[in-house]
């Protein structure tokens, strides 16, 4: 698998999590792979709430270095009002 591509298992887990979050937050927009232009990142799941809160979720499926995760975390924090959730699955 080429770098940056998701495995089928990763994609299935993301879609299931998206469905669950959509049920928890029916008034919010829950999208897969929406690019955040201001920081140039594309979280696995991005939630935009009616009250303008924004949540980015990254599902780490595979071997990602701690540096990679921390670098992304810093960029997400630059996006005002964004809460970051990380899920590690190995």
Protein backbone atom coordinates (compact mmCIF):
# COMPACT_ATOMS: atom_id res chain seq x y z
CA UNK A 1 0.00 0.00 0.00
CA UNK A 2 1.35 3.41 -0.96
CA UNK A 3 2.03 6.00 1.69
CA UNK A 4 -1.06 8.09 2.46
CA UNK A 5 -3.52 5.43 1.37
CA UNK A 6 -5.90 3.87 3.85
CA UNK A 7 -6.35 0.15 4.25
CA UNK A 8 -9.83 -1.31 3.79
CA UNK A 9 -9.99 -2.06 7.53
CA UNK A 10 -9.09 1.57 8.38
CA UNK A 11 -11.77 2.88 6.01
CA UNK A 12 -14.45 0.56 7.44
CA UNK A 13 -13.66 1.66 11.00
CA UNK A 14 -13.80 5.33 9.98
CA UNK A 15 -17.15 4.90 8.25
CA UNK A 16 -18.59 3.11 11.30
CA UNK A 17 -17.30 5.85 13.61
CA UNK A 18 -18.73 8.53 11.29
CA UNK A 19 -22.17 6.89 11.44
CA UNK A 20 -22.02 6.71 15.24
CA UNK A 21 -20.93 10.35 15.60
CA UNK A 22 -23.66 11.46 13.19
CA UNK A 23 -26.23 9.80 15.46
CA UNK A 24 -24.73 11.45 18.58
CA UNK A 25 -24.62 14.87 16.92
CA UNK A 26 -27.53 14.96 14.43
CA UNK A 27 -27.41 18.76 14.04
CA UNK A 28 -23.68 18.76 13.23
CA UNK A 29 -21.91 18.10 9.95
CA UNK A 30 -19.72 14.99 10.28
CA UNK A 31 -17.45 14.44 7.27
CA UNK A 32 -14.68 12.04 6.30
CA UNK A 33 -11.43 13.46 5.04
CA UNK A 34 -12.34 17.15 4.87
CA UNK A 35 -9.25 19.30 4.36
CA UNK A 36 -8.73 22.15 6.83
CA UNK A 37 -7.33 24.79 4.50
CA UNK A 38 -5.83 26.99 7.22
CA UNK A 39 -3.43 24.27 8.40
CA UNK A 40 -3.29 22.03 5.32
CA UNK A 41 -4.32 18.87 7.18
CA UNK A 42 -7.05 16.40 6.36
CA UNK A 43 -8.33 14.70 9.53
CA UNK A 44 -10.01 11.33 9.20
CA UNK A 45 -13.24 12.76 10.62
CA UNK A 46 -14.11 16.42 10.97
CA UNK A 47 -17.17 17.66 12.88
CA UNK A 48 -18.58 21.16 12.52
CA UNK A 49 -21.14 21.94 15.20
CA UNK A 50 -23.89 24.59 14.87
CA UNK A 51 -22.30 26.56 17.73
CA UNK A 52 -19.11 26.81 15.60
CA UNK A 53 -17.07 24.28 17.58
CA UNK A 54 -14.88 22.13 15.36
CA UNK A 55 -13.53 18.71 16.22
CA UNK A 56 -10.86 16.81 14.29
CA UNK A 57 -10.37 13.07 14.81
CA UNK A 58 -7.38 11.07 13.64
CA UNK A 59 -7.49 7.29 13.73
CA UNK A 60 -3.90 6.11 13.80
CA UNK A 61 -3.96 2.72 12.15
CA UNK A 62 -0.47 1.44 11.67
CA UNK A 63 2.98 2.64 12.56
CA UNK A 64 3.10 6.41 12.88
CA UNK A 65 5.92 8.02 14.77
CA UNK A 66 5.24 10.10 17.86
CA UNK A 67 6.86 13.04 16.07
CA UNK A 68 4.37 12.77 13.19
CA UNK A 69 1.44 12.72 15.65
CA UNK A 70 2.80 15.67 17.68
CA UNK A 71 3.50 17.73 14.55
CA UNK A 72 -0.08 17.23 13.37
CA UNK A 73 -1.39 18.01 16.86
CA UNK A 74 0.40 21.37 16.84
CA UNK A 75 -1.08 22.22 13.44
CA UNK A 76 -4.60 21.29 14.55
CA UNK A 77 -4.24 23.47 17.63
CA UNK A 78 -3.53 26.40 15.31
CA UNK A 79 -7.09 26.00 14.00
CA UNK A 80 -9.10 27.96 16.55
CA UNK A 81 -11.75 26.06 18.54
CA UNK A 82 -10.66 22.65 17.34
CA UNK A 83 -10.56 19.71 19.72
CA UNK A 84 -8.40 16.80 18.64
CA UNK A 85 -9.14 13.14 19.29
CA UNK A 86 -6.59 10.44 18.50
CA UNK A 87 -7.36 6.76 18.36
CA UNK A 88 -4.43 4.36 18.07
CA UNK A 89 -5.13 1.00 16.52
CA UNK A 90 -2.26 -1.39 15.84
